[in-house]
Every structure is written in structure tokens, then in C-alpha cells.
Amino acid sequence: MSQGNSRSITTNQQGPHEKIPELVNRHLSHSSLKPYSQHTLDAFDEVQSWLKQRQGPIILDACCGVGESTARIAAKHPDALVVGVDKSALRTGKHSHYQAESDNYIIVRADLNDFWRLALDAKWVLAKQFLLYPNPYPKSAHVQRRWHASAAFGDIVKLGGLLEVRSNWKIYIEEFAMALNIAGFNVETELYQAAEPDTPFERKYWASGQQSWRVVCDLSTNK
């Protein structure tokens, strides 16, 4: 099967969604009160036990999929403790195909809406956060499913660290940058290229001739 067969994103938006400012301000002012899912509580307990046996700065690889990115991040940061989280058991269950020899990372299946909140409750302070190719939900009506327009955005910001978000949909990155600016950070979007892809999606997009964009933000520094 060809690697270069990824479809381009189809959307009915011409630019950033008009409701981004309203949604971001609302979610920055009000925290979610939704009950935690039990499987995420269990996954977080597993990660906490793993962390207690080790020392090092914590890096979170959110929406890690099959965990190839998590393994690569761990290899690049051997002194860090890298936590990969994805909601899909099907994806995390495929990590054995991408397993690395590094013992400084862990991958769990969990609901990130809950996981970010639990990390805040546990007073995590992250060194880095990665959001590599999250589901963009490109239909305008689904804007609130995007992380920067969801209740989780405030938790992401509060967890700190150097945040890097990548997508093959430029509008997603433009919206994320807009949300970060509203939250008090000076950021700009940029085209992203590298010698090696970090995720299967990135590999497939590049093989299909698609470009990647990213926004990078130091969440420890407000403007």
C-alpha cells in the first residue's frame, strides 16, 4: 500500500472560526466539573506509580496515537520522563511495532480531558508538551471539539512547559495561536519541516505532498 495517499483536509471554513475568542475566554474562566472516567483514573494512577520510581522533568505527548512520537521524544530527551496518552486502545495497543529500548517513557490509554485535569490536581509542572496532529474536526459546526476551543485548553495552559502543536491543517494552527494569544502569550505560526517524521501521520502527510504547520509556545512566560 502506498504511503503517499493521504487526503487533504476538507473544511467549510475560510479562516479561523469566528467563535474562537468567545470559546477561549469562556473556558479560561470556567473549569470543567465533569466526573472523571474510571479508566482514566486508573491510567493516571499507573503513571503516578511509574513516576514515583524515577526522577526527571516530565514531558507529555498528548494524542500520541501508536506512540512512535513518544518513543522518539524519549530518545531525544534521555534525562526526561515522557508520558504518552491517547484515548484509543486500538492505537496504544499497536505500540509494540514502534517500541524503543528507552525505559524513560510510558504509554497509557486515557481521556485527555480528564488526564490534563488530574495532572493539574496532582500539581504536575511540565517541561514540555506535544500535541502532534490531533484530530482537527474540520467542520465548522465541530469547532468546540478542537482542543483550543474546548474546556481542556485552560488545563493545557496551566500545566506549563514548552508547548508544540503540529497539524497539516493551517487553520487549526492559526486558531491555536489565536487561543494562546488570548491567553496572554506571544506566538506565531510557522511552516514545519524536518529530516525525519515523528509520527505515522506526519510520514503519510509528507509522502502525500502535504505541508505541516506548527505553533511553539513557552507557557511559563506571559506577555
Protein backbone atom coordinates (compact mmCIF):
# COMPACT_ATOMS: atom_id res chain seq x y z
CA MET A 1 0.00 0.00 0.00
CA SER A 2 1.34 3.42 -0.95
CA GLN A 3 2.37 5.76 1.84
CA GLY A 4 1.55 8.82 -0.23
CA ASN A 5 -2.23 8.58 -0.36
CA SER A 6 -3.41 10.88 2.41
CA ARG A 7 -6.35 13.10 1.52
CA SER A 8 -6.13 16.82 2.15
CA ILE A 9 -8.42 18.23 4.83
CA THR A 10 -11.82 19.36 3.60
CA THR A 11 -13.45 22.20 5.51
CA ASN A 12 -16.20 24.76 5.15
CA GLN A 13 -14.08 27.37 6.97
CA GLN A 14 -12.20 30.04 5.07
CA GLY A 15 -10.09 31.02 8.07
CA PRO A 16 -10.11 30.85 11.89
CA HIS A 17 -13.57 30.25 13.34
CA GLU A 18 -15.34 33.42 14.44
CA LYS A 19 -16.27 31.90 17.82
CA ILE A 20 -12.68 31.19 18.91
CA PRO A 21 -12.34 34.32 21.11
CA GLU A 22 -15.68 33.68 22.83
CA LEU A 23 -14.96 29.99 23.43
CA VAL A 24 -11.41 30.52 24.65
CA ASN A 25 -12.37 33.25 27.10
CA ARG A 26 -15.22 31.13 28.44
CA HIS A 27 -13.03 28.08 29.01
CA LEU A 28 -10.21 30.10 30.56
CA SER A 29 -12.71 31.44 33.11
CA HIS A 30 -14.50 28.21 33.99
CA SER A 31 -13.01 24.81 34.77
CA SER A 32 -14.75 21.59 33.80
CA LEU A 33 -16.71 19.86 36.56
CA LYS A 34 -17.41 16.68 34.62
CA PRO A 35 -16.87 13.47 36.65
CA TYR A 36 -13.65 11.62 35.84
CA SER A 37 -13.86 8.41 33.84
CA GLN A 38 -12.70 5.36 35.81
CA HIS A 39 -10.35 4.09 33.11
CA THR A 40 -8.55 7.45 33.13
CA LEU A 41 -8.30 7.46 36.94
CA ASP A 42 -6.73 4.01 36.70
CA ALA A 43 -4.35 5.10 33.94
CA PHE A 44 -3.30 8.19 35.87
CA ASP A 45 -2.61 6.09 38.97
CA GLU A 46 -0.42 3.83 36.83
CA VAL A 47 1.54 6.82 35.55
CA GLN A 48 1.89 8.29 39.04
CA SER A 49 3.32 4.99 40.34
CA TRP A 50 5.74 4.90 37.40
CA LEU A 51 6.87 8.48 38.02
CA LYS A 52 7.46 7.90 41.74
CA GLN A 53 10.12 5.32 40.89
CA ARG A 54 12.04 7.75 38.69
CA GLN A 55 13.43 11.25 38.62
CA GLY A 56 13.47 13.79 35.83
CA PRO A 57 11.45 16.52 34.14
CA ILE A 58 8.07 15.38 32.79
CA ILE A 59 7.18 15.64 29.11
CA LEU A 60 3.61 14.95 27.97
CA ASP A 61 2.94 13.60 24.48
CA ALA A 62 -0.81 14.14 24.15
CA CYS A 63 -2.78 12.33 21.43
CA CYS A 64 0.23 10.07 20.98
CA GLY A 65 -1.57 7.51 18.81
CA VAL A 66 0.59 4.41 18.42
CA GLY A 67 3.34 6.06 20.45
CA GLU A 68 6.01 6.40 17.78
CA SER A 69 6.33 10.08 18.68
CA THR A 70 6.56 9.21 22.39
CA ALA A 71 9.45 6.83 21.77
CA ARG A 72 11.22 9.37 19.57
CA ILE A 73 10.75 12.16 22.12
CA ALA A 74 12.10 9.88 24.86
CA ALA A 75 15.18 9.10 22.77
CA LYS A 76 15.79 12.81 22.19
CA HIS A 77 15.35 13.61 25.91
CA PRO A 78 17.05 10.74 27.77
CA ASP A 79 17.00 12.61 31.10
CA ALA A 80 13.25 13.25 30.93
CA LEU A 81 10.23 11.12 31.82
CA VAL A 82 7.93 11.01 28.81
CA VAL A 83 4.24 10.19 29.17
CA GLY A 84 2.28 9.31 26.03
CA VAL A 85 -1.52 9.45 26.23
CA ASP A 86 -4.15 8.52 23.68
CA LYS A 87 -7.86 7.78 24.00
CA SER A 88 -7.80 4.81 21.63
CA ALA A 89 -6.96 1.36 22.97
CA LEU A 90 -6.63 0.21 19.36
CA ARG A 91 -3.85 2.74 18.74
CA THR A 92 -1.98 2.34 22.02
CA GLY A 93 -2.26 -1.41 21.58
CA LYS A 94 -0.17 -1.16 18.42
CA HIS A 95 2.80 0.44 20.17
CA SER A 96 4.81 -2.79 20.12
CA HIS A 97 5.51 -2.07 16.43
CA TYR A 98 7.19 1.20 17.43
CA GLN A 99 8.69 0.13 20.76
CA ALA A 100 12.04 1.66 21.63
CA GLU A 101 14.65 0.37 24.06
CA SER A 102 14.38 3.54 26.15
CA ASP A 103 12.99 2.94 29.63
CA ASN A 104 12.16 6.62 30.20
CA TYR A 105 8.69 6.61 28.70
CA ILE A 106 5.26 5.13 29.35
CA ILE A 107 2.15 4.96 27.17
CA VAL A 108 -1.39 4.76 28.53
CA ARG A 109 -4.90 4.84 27.20
CA ALA A 110 -6.87 7.66 28.82
CA ASP A 111 -9.30 10.50 28.15
CA LEU A 112 -7.11 13.58 27.87
CA ASN A 113 -9.93 15.84 29.06
CA ASP A 114 -9.66 14.03 32.38
CA PHE A 115 -5.91 13.35 32.29
CA TRP A 116 -4.95 17.02 31.99
CA ARG A 117 -7.22 17.89 34.94
CA LEU A 118 -5.79 15.06 37.04
CA ALA A 119 -2.25 16.22 36.24
CA LEU A 120 -3.18 19.70 37.44
CA ASP A 121 -4.74 18.30 40.61
CA ALA A 122 -1.51 16.38 41.20
CA LYS A 123 0.44 19.64 40.74
CA TRP A 124 2.41 18.50 37.72
CA VAL A 125 4.65 21.13 36.16
CA LEU A 126 5.59 20.01 32.68
CA ALA A 127 8.91 20.65 30.97
CA LYS A 128 7.37 20.16 27.53
CA GLN A 129 4.02 19.35 25.97
CA PHE A 130 3.47 17.94 22.49
CA LEU A 131 0.22 17.85 20.53
CA LEU A 132 1.21 16.30 17.22
CA TYR A 133 -1.57 16.06 14.65
CA PRO A 134 -4.62 15.92 16.92
CA ASN A 135 -7.95 15.26 15.22
CA PRO A 136 -8.70 18.66 13.61
CA TYR A 137 -12.50 18.27 13.43
CA PRO A 138 -12.51 20.49 10.32
CA LYS A 139 -16.29 21.00 10.08
CA SER A 140 -17.20 24.45 11.35
CA ALA A 141 -20.00 23.01 13.49
CA HIS A 142 -17.47 20.86 15.37
CA VAL A 143 -15.21 23.73 16.47
CA GLN A 144 -15.71 23.01 20.19
CA ARG A 145 -14.18 19.56 19.71
CA ARG A 146 -10.82 21.15 18.89
CA TRP A 147 -8.52 21.31 21.91
CA HIS A 148 -8.00 25.08 21.79
CA ALA A 149 -11.78 25.66 21.76
CA SER A 150 -12.58 23.08 24.45
CA ALA A 151 -12.67 23.15 28.24
CA ALA A 152 -9.29 21.39 28.23
CA PHE A 153 -7.46 24.42 26.85
CA GLY A 154 -7.19 26.13 30.23
CA ASP A 155 -5.67 22.98 31.72
CA ILE A 156 -3.11 22.73 28.92
CA VAL A 157 -2.00 26.32 29.56
CA LYS A 158 -1.81 25.89 33.34
CA LEU A 159 0.39 22.79 33.10
CA GLY A 160 3.16 24.93 31.67
CA GLY A 161 6.27 23.92 29.79
CA LEU A 162 7.22 24.42 26.19
CA LEU A 163 4.16 23.56 24.12
CA GLU A 164 4.49 22.41 20.50
CA VAL A 165 1.42 21.79 18.34
CA ARG A 166 1.62 20.50 14.76
CA SER A 167 -1.05 19.94 12.12
CA ASN A 168 -1.38 19.54 8.37
CA TRP A 169 -4.33 21.96 8.54
CA LYS A 170 -3.04 25.52 8.67
CA ILE A 171 -6.29 26.91 10.09
CA TYR A 172 -6.00 24.62 13.12
CA ILE A 173 -2.58 26.07 13.94
CA GLU A 174 -3.79 29.61 13.28
CA GLU A 175 -6.69 29.03 15.69
CA PHE A 176 -4.39 27.52 18.33
CA ALA A 177 -2.07 30.51 18.05
CA MET A 178 -5.07 32.83 18.39
CA ALA A 179 -6.17 30.98 21.53
CA LEU A 180 -2.69 31.26 23.03
CA ASN A 181 -2.59 34.97 22.25
CA ILE A 182 -5.94 35.41 24.01
CA ALA A 183 -4.48 33.52 26.99
CA GLY A 184 -1.64 36.03 27.18
CA PHE A 185 1.19 34.56 25.11
CA ASN A 186 3.03 36.00 22.12
CA VAL A 187 3.20 33.28 19.45
CA GLU A 188 3.30 32.96 15.69
CA THR A 189 2.61 30.07 13.36
CA GLU A 190 5.30 28.62 11.14
CA LEU A 191 5.82 26.03 8.45
CA TYR A 192 7.37 22.87 9.91
CA GLN A 193 9.87 20.67 8.10
CA ALA A 194 12.34 18.08 9.38
CA ALA A 195 14.63 15.38 8.06
CA GLU A 196 12.62 12.64 9.79
CA PRO A 197 8.89 12.41 10.55
CA ASP A 198 7.93 11.86 14.19
CA THR A 199 4.56 10.16 13.69
CA PRO A 200 2.91 7.82 11.17
CA PHE A 201 0.52 10.64 10.23
CA GLU A 202 3.40 13.02 9.64
CA ARG A 203 5.09 10.41 7.47
CA LYS A 204 1.92 9.85 5.46
CA TYR A 205 1.17 13.55 5.03
CA TRP A 206 4.66 14.35 3.79
CA ALA A 207 4.64 11.38 1.42
CA SER A 208 1.39 12.77 0.02
CA GLY A 209 2.99 16.15 -0.63
CA GLN A 210 1.15 17.91 2.21
CA GLN A 211 2.81 20.51 4.42
CA SER A 212 2.90 20.75 8.20
CA TRP A 213 2.48 23.85 10.34
CA ARG A 214 3.24 24.34 13.97
CA VAL A 215 2.99 26.77 16.85
CA VAL A 216 5.50 26.70 19.72
CA CYS A 217 4.81 28.49 22.98
CA ASP A 218 6.70 28.83 26.25
CA LEU A 219 3.79 28.59 28.69
CA SER A 220 5.95 29.84 31.55
CA THR A 221 6.20 33.31 30.02
CA ASN A 222 3.18 35.60 29.68
CA LYS A 223 3.39 38.69 27.52
